[in-house]
C-alpha atoms as a PDB file:
ATOM      1  CA  MET A   1       5.149  -6.514  -5.572  1.00  0.00           C
ATOM      2  CA  SER A   2       7.712  -9.310  -4.437  1.00  0.00           C
ATOM      3  CA  ALA A   3       5.746 -11.049  -1.713  1.00  0.00           C
ATOM      4  CA  THR A   4       9.534 -12.090  -0.310  1.00  0.00           C
ATOM      5  CA  ILE A   5      11.723  -9.311   0.892  1.00  0.00           C
ATOM      6  CA  VAL A   6      15.270 -10.196   0.931  1.00  0.00           C
ATOM      7  CA  ASN A   7      16.612  -7.188   2.250  1.00  0.00           C
ATOM      8  CA  PRO A   8      14.440  -5.059   4.584  1.00  0.00           C
ATOM      9  CA  LEU A   9      15.854  -1.824   3.383  1.00  0.00           C
ATOM     10  CA  ASP A  10      14.337  -3.022  -0.288  1.00  0.00           C
ATOM     11  CA  MET A  11      10.535  -1.670   1.508  1.00  0.00           C
ATOM     12  CA  PHE A  12      11.327   1.517   1.618  1.00  0.00           C
ATOM     13  CA  ARG A  13      12.663   1.484  -2.061  1.00  0.00           C
ATOM     14  CA  LEU A  14      10.442   3.092  -4.902  1.00  0.00           C
ATOM     15  CA  ASP A  15      12.825   2.558  -7.709  1.00  0.00           C
ATOM     16  CA  GLY A  16      10.819   3.691 -11.049  1.00  0.00           C
ATOM     17  CA  ARG A  17       7.446   4.020  -9.127  1.00  0.00           C
ATOM     18  CA  THR A  18       5.772   7.035  -9.648  1.00  0.00           C
ATOM     19  CA  VAL A  19       4.855   9.641  -7.002  1.00  0.00           C
ATOM     20  CA  LEU A  20       2.433  12.279  -7.559  1.00  0.00           C
ATOM     21  CA  VAL A  21       2.852  15.021  -4.376  1.00  0.00           C
ATOM     22  CA  THR A  22       0.139  18.182  -4.410  1.00  0.00           C
ATOM     23  CA  GLY A  23       1.153  20.919  -2.043  1.00  0.00           C
ATOM     24  CA  ALA A  24       4.523  20.209  -3.165  1.00  0.00           C
ATOM     25  CA  SER A  25       5.996  23.918  -3.490  1.00  0.00           C
ATOM     26  CA  SER A  26       6.973  24.306   0.350  1.00  0.00           C
ATOM     27  CA  GLY A  27       6.880  23.008   3.946  1.00  0.00           C
ATOM     28  CA  LEU A  28       5.987  19.520   3.985  1.00  0.00           C
ATOM     29  CA  GLY A  29       5.249  18.671   0.439  1.00  0.00           C
ATOM     30  CA  ALA A  30       8.541  19.690  -0.409  1.00  0.00           C
ATOM     31  CA  ARG A  31      10.226  17.487   1.654  1.00  0.00           C
ATOM     32  CA  PHE A  32       7.822  14.261   0.974  1.00  0.00           C
ATOM     33  CA  ALA A  33       9.312  14.914  -2.643  1.00  0.00           C
ATOM     34  CA  ARG A  34      12.464  15.037  -1.743  1.00  0.00           C
ATOM     35  CA  VAL A  35      12.543  11.950   0.246  1.00  0.00           C
ATOM     36  CA  VAL A  36      10.374   9.521  -2.506  1.00  0.00           C
ATOM     37  CA  HIS A  37      12.777  10.971  -5.504  1.00  0.00           C
ATOM     38  CA  ALA A  38      16.088   9.732  -3.246  1.00  0.00           C
ATOM     39  CA  VAL A  39      14.727   6.337  -2.877  1.00  0.00           C
ATOM     40  CA  GLY A  40      14.146   5.754  -6.688  1.00  0.00           C
ATOM     41  CA  ALA A  41      10.667   7.451  -7.531  1.00  0.00           C
ATOM     42  CA  ASN A  42       9.521   9.679 -10.617  1.00  0.00           C
ATOM     43  CA  VAL A  43       8.066  12.498  -9.071  1.00  0.00           C
ATOM     44  CA  VAL A  44       5.461  14.753  -9.985  1.00  0.00           C
ATOM     45  CA  LEU A  45       5.288  18.078  -8.339  1.00  0.00           C
ATOM     46  CA  SER A  46       2.196  19.993  -7.926  1.00  0.00           C
ATOM     47  CA  ALA A  47       1.150  23.018  -6.429  1.00  0.00           C
ATOM     48  CA  ARG A  48      -0.231  26.627  -7.579  1.00  0.00           C
ATOM     49  CA  ARG A  49       3.468  28.525  -7.124  1.00  0.00           C
ATOM     50  CA  ILE A  50       5.199  27.296 -10.771  1.00  0.00           C
ATOM     51  CA  ASP A  51       8.238  29.323  -9.660  1.00  0.00           C
ATOM     52  CA  ARG A  52       8.875  27.380  -6.498  1.00  0.00           C
ATOM     53  CA  LEU A  53       7.904  23.793  -8.096  1.00  0.00           C
ATOM     54  CA  GLU A  54      10.541  24.599 -10.977  1.00  0.00           C
ATOM     55  CA  ALA A  55      13.160  25.249  -8.378  1.00  0.00           C
ATOM     56  CA  LEU A  56      12.626  22.107  -6.320  1.00  0.00           C
ATOM     57  CA  ALA A  57      12.269  20.244  -9.889  1.00  0.00           C
ATOM     58  CA  ALA A  58      16.100  21.792 -10.230  1.00  0.00           C
ATOM     59  CA  GLU A  59      16.968  19.597  -6.953  1.00  0.00           C
ATOM     60  CA  LEU A  60      15.636  16.469  -8.587  1.00  0.00           C
ATOM     61  CA  PRO A  61      16.726  14.981 -11.711  1.00  0.00           C
ATOM     62  CA  GLY A  62      13.955  13.819 -13.549  1.00  0.00           C
ATOM     63  CA  ALA A  63      10.733  15.915 -11.721  1.00  0.00           C
ATOM     64  CA  PHE A  64       7.600  16.581 -13.457  1.00  0.00           C
ATOM     65  CA  VAL A  65       6.102  19.700 -12.616  1.00  0.00           C
ATOM     66  CA  VAL A  66       2.352  20.144 -13.121  1.00  0.00           C
ATOM     67  CA  ALA A  67       1.160  24.032 -11.769  1.00  0.00           C
ATOM     68  CA  ALA A  68      -2.385  23.041 -10.627  1.00  0.00           C
ATOM     69  CA  ASP A  69      -4.844  24.759  -8.083  1.00  0.00           C
ATOM     70  CA  ILE A  70      -5.928  21.789  -6.321  1.00  0.00           C
ATOM     71  CA  SER A  71      -9.220  23.958  -5.059  1.00  0.00           C
ATOM     72  CA  GLN A  72     -10.590  23.223  -8.920  1.00  0.00           C
ATOM     73  CA  ALA A  73     -11.668  20.626 -10.381  1.00  0.00           C
ATOM     74  CA  GLY A  74     -10.542  20.804 -13.641  1.00  0.00           C
ATOM     75  CA  ASP A  75      -6.842  21.659 -12.901  1.00  0.00           C
ATOM     76  CA  ARG A  76      -7.084  18.349 -10.907  1.00  0.00           C
ATOM     77  CA  GLU A  77      -8.205  16.676 -13.950  1.00  0.00           C
ATOM     78  CA  GLN A  78      -5.509  17.887 -16.062  1.00  0.00           C
ATOM     79  CA  LEU A  79      -3.261  16.810 -13.755  1.00  0.00           C
ATOM     80  CA  ALA A  80      -3.481  13.719 -12.869  1.00  0.00           C
ATOM     81  CA  ALA A  81      -4.167  13.099 -16.911  1.00  0.00           C
ATOM     82  CA  ALA A  82      -0.679  14.763 -17.207  1.00  0.00           C
ATOM     83  CA  ALA A  83       1.076  12.780 -14.515  1.00  0.00           C
ATOM     84  CA  ILE A  84      -0.337   9.236 -16.006  1.00  0.00           C
ATOM     85  CA  GLN A  85       0.432  10.700 -19.889  1.00  0.00           C
ATOM     86  CA  HIS A  86       4.149  11.381 -18.600  1.00  0.00           C
ATOM     87  CA  PHE A  87       5.089   8.528 -17.178  1.00  0.00           C
ATOM     88  CA  GLY A  88       2.454   6.184 -18.095  1.00  0.00           C
ATOM     89  CA  ARG A  89       0.516   5.867 -14.606  1.00  0.00           C
ATOM     90  CA  VAL A  90       0.931   7.299 -11.006  1.00  0.00           C
ATOM     91  CA  ASP A  91       1.499   4.456  -8.111  1.00  0.00           C
ATOM     92  CA  VAL A  92       1.444   6.620  -5.234  1.00  0.00           C
ATOM     93  CA  LEU A  93      -0.372   9.600  -4.776  1.00  0.00           C
ATOM     94  CA  VAL A  94       0.369  12.059  -1.747  1.00  0.00           C
ATOM     95  CA  ASN A  95      -2.506  14.494  -0.811  1.00  0.00           C
ATOM     96  CA  ASN A  96      -0.854  16.871   0.673  1.00  0.00           C
ATOM     97  CA  ALA A  97      -2.140  20.006   0.192  1.00  0.00           C
ATOM     98  CA  GLY A  98      -4.251  21.705   2.566  1.00  0.00           C
ATOM     99  CA  VAL A  99      -5.192  24.737   3.987  1.00  0.00           C
ATOM    100  CA  GLY A 100      -6.208  25.629   7.548  1.00  0.00           C
ATOM    101  CA  GLY A 101      -5.760  28.973  10.528  1.00  0.00           C
ATOM    102  CA  GLY A 102      -7.151  29.537  13.650  1.00  0.00           C
ATOM    103  CA  VAL A 103     -10.268  31.653  13.903  1.00  0.00           C
ATOM    104  CA  ALA A 104     -13.576  31.323  16.238  1.00  0.00           C
ATOM    105  CA  VAL A 105     -16.515  29.470  15.311  1.00  0.00           C
ATOM    106  CA  GLU A 106     -18.378  32.981  15.609  1.00  0.00           C
ATOM    107  CA  ASP A 107     -16.077  34.323  13.232  1.00  0.00           C
ATOM    108  CA  GLU A 108     -15.900  31.383  10.037  1.00  0.00           C
ATOM    109  CA  THR A 109     -17.538  32.132   7.341  1.00  0.00           C
ATOM    110  CA  VAL A 110     -19.716  29.923   5.080  1.00  0.00           C
ATOM    111  CA  GLU A 111     -17.269  30.527   2.325  1.00  0.00           C
ATOM    112  CA  LEU A 112     -14.227  29.349   4.859  1.00  0.00           C
ATOM    113  CA  PHE A 113     -15.560  26.350   5.664  1.00  0.00           C
ATOM    114  CA  ARG A 114     -16.693  25.564   2.212  1.00  0.00           C
ATOM    115  CA  ASN A 115     -13.373  26.601   0.511  1.00  0.00           C
ATOM    116  CA  THR A 116     -11.340  24.307   3.450  1.00  0.00           C
ATOM    117  CA  MET A 117     -13.620  21.314   2.747  1.00  0.00           C
ATOM    118  CA  GLU A 118     -12.986  21.605  -1.525  1.00  0.00           C
ATOM    119  CA  ILE A 119      -9.587  21.599  -0.920  1.00  0.00           C
ATOM    120  CA  ASN A 120      -9.277  19.221   2.241  1.00  0.00           C
ATOM    121  CA  VAL A 121     -11.754  16.780   1.620  1.00  0.00           C
ATOM    122  CA  THR A 122     -13.224  16.931  -2.061  1.00  0.00           C
ATOM    123  CA  SER A 123      -9.576  17.142  -3.896  1.00  0.00           C
ATOM    124  CA  VAL A 124      -8.466  14.195  -2.136  1.00  0.00           C
ATOM    125  CA  TRP A 125     -11.559  12.555  -3.240  1.00  0.00           C
ATOM    126  CA  HIS A 126     -11.297  13.701  -6.741  1.00  0.00           C
ATOM    127  CA  MET A 127      -7.495  13.133  -6.849  1.00  0.00           C
ATOM    128  CA  SER A 128      -7.713   9.517  -5.720  1.00  0.00           C
ATOM    129  CA  LYS A 129     -10.871   8.720  -7.991  1.00  0.00           C
ATOM    130  CA  LEU A 130      -8.582   9.960 -10.396  1.00  0.00           C
ATOM    131  CA  CYS A 131      -5.518   8.469  -9.951  1.00  0.00           C
ATOM    132  CA  ALA A 132      -6.732   4.822  -8.827  1.00  0.00           C
ATOM    133  CA  PRO A 133      -7.942   3.317 -12.235  1.00  0.00           C
ATOM    134  CA  SER A 134      -3.931   3.467 -13.308  1.00  0.00           C
ATOM    135  CA  MET A 135      -3.576   2.120 -10.407  1.00  0.00           C
ATOM    136  CA  ILE A 136      -5.597  -0.938 -10.556  1.00  0.00           C
ATOM    137  CA  ALA A 137      -4.672  -1.459 -14.352  1.00  0.00           C
ATOM    138  CA  ALA A 138      -1.000  -1.500 -12.944  1.00  0.00           C
ATOM    139  CA  GLY A 139      -1.593  -4.054 -10.411  1.00  0.00           C
ATOM    140  CA  GLY A 140      -2.116  -1.689  -7.619  1.00  0.00           C
ATOM    141  CA  GLY A 141      -0.798   1.552  -5.756  1.00  0.00           C
ATOM    142  CA  SER A 142      -0.893   3.399  -2.775  1.00  0.00           C
ATOM    143  CA  ILE A 143      -2.730   6.489  -1.836  1.00  0.00           C
ATOM    144  CA  ILE A 144      -1.589   8.423   1.322  1.00  0.00           C
ATOM    145  CA  ASN A 145      -3.912  11.114   2.571  1.00  0.00           C
ATOM    146  CA  ILE A 146      -2.144  14.039   4.904  1.00  0.00           C
ATOM    147  CA  ALA A 147      -4.731  14.225   7.861  1.00  0.00           C
ATOM    148  CA  SER A 148      -3.543  15.893  11.298  1.00  0.00           C
ATOM    149  CA  MET A 149      -4.156  14.241  14.781  1.00  0.00           C
ATOM    150  CA  MET A 150      -6.971  17.175  14.309  1.00  0.00           C
ATOM    151  CA  GLY A 151      -8.778  14.661  12.703  1.00  0.00           C
ATOM    152  CA  HIS A 152      -8.666  12.569  15.666  1.00  0.00           C
ATOM    153  CA  VAL A 153      -9.133  15.220  18.550  1.00  0.00           C
ATOM    154  CA  ALA A 154     -10.661  18.548  19.001  1.00  0.00           C
ATOM    155  CA  SER A 155      -8.028  21.344  18.166  1.00  0.00           C
ATOM    156  CA  ALA A 156      -9.034  23.523  21.518  1.00  0.00           C
ATOM    157  CA  PRO A 157      -7.827  25.954  22.566  1.00  0.00           C
ATOM    158  CA  LEU A 158      -7.252  26.507  19.267  1.00  0.00           C
ATOM    159  CA  LYS A 159     -10.065  27.692  17.602  1.00  0.00           C
ATOM    160  CA  GLU A 160     -10.206  25.609  14.105  1.00  0.00           C
ATOM    161  CA  ALA A 161     -13.336  23.726  13.323  1.00  0.00           C
ATOM    162  CA  HIS A 162     -13.368  24.434   9.745  1.00  0.00           C
ATOM    163  CA  TYR A 163      -9.860  22.684   9.739  1.00  0.00           C
ATOM    164  CA  CYS A 164     -11.257  19.717  12.662  1.00  0.00           C
ATOM    165  CA  ALA A 165     -13.818  19.041  10.619  1.00  0.00           C
ATOM    166  CA  SER A 166     -11.785  18.428   7.614  1.00  0.00           C
ATOM    167  CA  LYS A 167      -9.168  16.366   8.821  1.00  0.00           C
ATOM    168  CA  GLY A 168     -12.059  14.197  10.358  1.00  0.00           C
ATOM    169  CA  ALA A 169     -13.336  13.771   7.355  1.00  0.00           C
ATOM    170  CA  VAL A 170     -10.083  12.868   5.778  1.00  0.00           C
ATOM    171  CA  VAL A 171      -9.686   9.797   8.207  1.00  0.00           C
ATOM    172  CA  ASN A 172     -13.540   8.395   7.280  1.00  0.00           C
ATOM    173  CA  LEU A 173     -12.653   8.981   4.032  1.00  0.00           C
ATOM    174  CA  THR A 174      -9.610   7.307   3.567  1.00  0.00           C
ATOM    175  CA  ARG A 175     -11.109   4.277   5.623  1.00  0.00           C
ATOM    176  CA  GLU A 176     -14.347   3.922   3.046  1.00  0.00           C
ATOM    177  CA  LEU A 177     -11.810   3.850  -0.069  1.00  0.00           C
ATOM    178  CA  ALA A 178      -9.653   1.425   1.139  1.00  0.00           C
ATOM    179  CA  VAL A 179     -12.500  -0.854   2.002  1.00  0.00           C
ATOM    180  CA  GLN A 180     -13.739  -0.089  -1.515  1.00  0.00           C
ATOM    181  CA  TRP A 181     -10.460  -0.712  -3.321  1.00  0.00           C
ATOM    182  CA  ALA A 182      -8.534  -3.208  -0.948  1.00  0.00           C
ATOM    183  CA  ARG A 183      -9.496  -6.322  -3.282  1.00  0.00           C
ATOM    184  CA  LYS A 184      -8.061  -3.970  -6.382  1.00  0.00           C
ATOM    185  CA  GLY A 185      -4.676  -3.655  -5.129  1.00  0.00           C
ATOM    186  CA  VAL A 186      -5.163  -0.291  -3.879  1.00  0.00           C
ATOM    187  CA  ARG A 187      -4.207   0.786  -0.406  1.00  0.00           C
ATOM    188  CA  VAL A 188      -5.382   4.138   1.319  1.00  0.00           C
ATOM    189  CA  ASN A 189      -4.485   5.189   4.214  1.00  0.00           C
ATOM    190  CA  ALA A 190      -3.819   8.587   6.351  1.00  0.00           C
ATOM    191  CA  LEU A 191      -0.239  10.011   7.473  1.00  0.00           C
ATOM    192  CA  CYS A 192      -1.383  12.550  10.569  1.00  0.00           C
ATOM    193  CA  PRO A 193       1.213  14.715  11.544  1.00  0.00           C
ATOM    194  CA  GLY A 194       0.877  16.440  15.433  1.00  0.00           C
ATOM    195  CA  PHE A 195       2.833  20.488  15.452  1.00  0.00           C
ATOM    196  CA  PHE A 196       5.318  20.253  12.707  1.00  0.00           C
ATOM    197  CA  VAL A 197       7.449  23.386  11.598  1.00  0.00           C
ATOM    198  CA  SER A 198       5.996  24.069   8.026  1.00  0.00           C
ATOM    199  CA  GLU A 199       3.786  27.016   6.160  1.00  0.00           C
ATOM    200  CA  MET A 200       0.525  26.360   8.143  1.00  0.00           C
ATOM    201  CA  THR A 201       2.557  26.426  11.841  1.00  0.00           C
ATOM    202  CA  ALA A 202       4.918  29.404  10.760  1.00  0.00           C
ATOM    203  CA  GLY A 203       5.165  31.496  13.863  1.00  0.00           C
ATOM    204  CA  MET A 204       4.261  28.976  16.231  1.00  0.00           C
ATOM    205  CA  ASP A 205       8.273  27.486  16.362  1.00  0.00           C
ATOM    206  CA  THR A 206       9.213  30.710  17.943  1.00  0.00           C
ATOM    207  CA  ASP A 207       6.184  32.288  19.535  1.00  0.00           C
ATOM    208  CA  GLU A 208       6.647  31.659  23.485  1.00  0.00           C
ATOM    209  CA  GLY A 209       3.194  31.585  24.196  1.00  0.00           C
ATOM    210  CA  SER A 210       3.177  28.626  21.104  1.00  0.00           C
ATOM    211  CA  GLN A 211       5.891  26.611  22.449  1.00  0.00           C
ATOM    212  CA  ARG A 212       4.683  26.663  26.492  1.00  0.00           C
ATOM    213  CA  PHE A 213       1.411  25.232  25.112  1.00  0.00           C
ATOM    214  CA  ILE A 214       3.405  22.845  22.912  1.00  0.00           C
ATOM    215  CA  THR A 215       5.638  21.285  25.636  1.00  0.00           C
ATOM    216  CA  THR A 216       2.970  21.323  28.294  1.00  0.00           C
ATOM    217  CA  ASN A 217       0.838  19.346  25.996  1.00  0.00           C
ATOM    218  CA  THR A 218       3.142  16.905  24.259  1.00  0.00           C
ATOM    219  CA  PRO A 219       4.451  13.853  26.000  1.00  0.00           C
ATOM    220  CA  ILE A 220       7.588  14.431  23.760  1.00  0.00           C
ATOM    221  CA  PRO A 221       7.990  18.058  24.824  1.00  0.00           C
ATOM    222  CA  ARG A 222       8.359  19.704  21.601  1.00  0.00           C
ATOM    223  CA  MET A 223       7.064  20.008  17.770  1.00  0.00           C
ATOM    224  CA  GLY A 224       8.027  18.138  15.141  1.00  0.00           C
ATOM    225  CA  HIS A 225      11.134  17.708  12.751  1.00  0.00           C
ATOM    226  CA  VAL A 226      10.316  17.552   9.134  1.00  0.00           C
ATOM    227  CA  HIS A 227      12.743  14.644   8.751  1.00  0.00           C
ATOM    228  CA  GLU A 228      10.490  12.844  11.360  1.00  0.00           C
ATOM    229  CA  LEU A 229       8.044  12.015   9.136  1.00  0.00           C
ATOM    230  CA  ASP A 230      10.280  10.471   6.376  1.00  0.00           C
ATOM    231  CA  ALA A 231      10.239   6.499   7.419  1.00  0.00           C
ATOM    232  CA  ALA A 232       6.165   6.729   8.209  1.00  0.00           C
ATOM    233  CA  LEU A 233       5.996   8.408   4.357  1.00  0.00           C
ATOM    234  CA  LEU A 234       8.096   5.320   2.781  1.00  0.00           C
ATOM    235  CA  PHE A 235       6.536   2.904   4.721  1.00  0.00           C
ATOM    236  CA  LEU A 236       2.913   3.829   3.452  1.00  0.00           C
ATOM    237  CA  ALA A 237       4.089   3.941   0.215  1.00  0.00           C
ATOM    238  CA  GLY A 238       6.048   0.861  -0.556  1.00  0.00           C
ATOM    239  CA  ALA A 239       6.713  -2.552  -0.197  1.00  0.00           C
ATOM    240  CA  GLY A 240       6.448  -2.406   3.576  1.00  0.00           C
ATOM    241  CA  SER A 241       2.850  -1.739   4.129  1.00  0.00           C
ATOM    242  CA  THR A 242       1.269  -4.587   1.662  1.00  0.00           C
ATOM    243  CA  PHE A 243      -0.673  -5.278   4.426  1.00  0.00           C
ATOM    244  CA  TYR A 244      -1.837  -2.307   5.548  1.00  0.00           C
ATOM    245  CA  THR A 245      -4.748  -0.123   4.823  1.00  0.00           C
ATOM    246  CA  GLY A 246      -7.678   2.298   6.078  1.00  0.00           C
ATOM    247  CA  GLN A 247      -5.165   3.124   9.175  1.00  0.00           C
ATOM    248  CA  SER A 248      -3.977   6.655  10.662  1.00  0.00           C
ATOM    249  CA  LEU A 249      -0.287   6.988  11.072  1.00  0.00           C
ATOM    250  CA  ILE A 250      -0.580   9.535  13.869  1.00  0.00           C
ATOM    251  CA  VAL A 251       2.807  11.112  14.189  1.00  0.00           C
ATOM    252  CA  ASP A 252       2.420  13.744  17.072  1.00  0.00           C
ATOM    253  CA  GLY A 253       4.574  12.997  19.916  1.00  0.00           C
ATOM    254  CA  GLY A 254       1.951  11.672  22.185  1.00  0.00           C
ATOM    255  CA  TRP A 255      -0.432  14.204  21.486  1.00  0.00           C
ATOM    256  CA  THR A 256      -2.524  11.452  20.985  1.00  0.00           C
ATOM    257  CA  ALA A 257      -2.177   9.185  23.719  1.00  0.00           C
ATOM    258  CA  ARG A 258      -2.794  11.593  26.649  1.00  0.00           C
END
């Protein structure tokens, strides 16, 4: 990328760049895909639900759809290979796919914990490993790991140890990958949302108790609106963050500042 930006808005453009978004069939992933497409990116859409991916691709001319179960190593390998074959390389990887849910430690099973770690952590490591070589060969790139504010603090009284453990792991994996690849031109950062309306938080926006909990404990007393992650995503993806790596960009209305 050019060392000199004449028009500051150019820092948010991704013209000709290939952006791969996992978990793109709904929620934040679908929004991320729309946002990067709007600023000129070639978009690779991936998730399990092919019908939703195809519906989204119909809105995004040129988007490339790859159905994949991100919990499966073979699917991850096929996804990265297909994206690179189709567009020649991956410039930006958005590791968005993830799972979570409230359950007390006493009721968590080993299977639940392992599955959460596989999807939320192992897939992030694996997709990064698979896409980084094409970035390095092209002279650089950006990996954006969608973590959570819960990767930095405990979630209690919400009970989700498996989720907090996985997102904490993503935060430190981000640091390690960033340091290993910094001199090869690959930046790795974590985008850490607070409470946003999505499939994972379904119902919280209409539940009176949940809203009372959120407004009482969030300095900006509400859930985030999905567009309030757009600028953070584009900052991490593009030329505006060429001296920024190994960091967590927390967008949580001040929750972790308390």
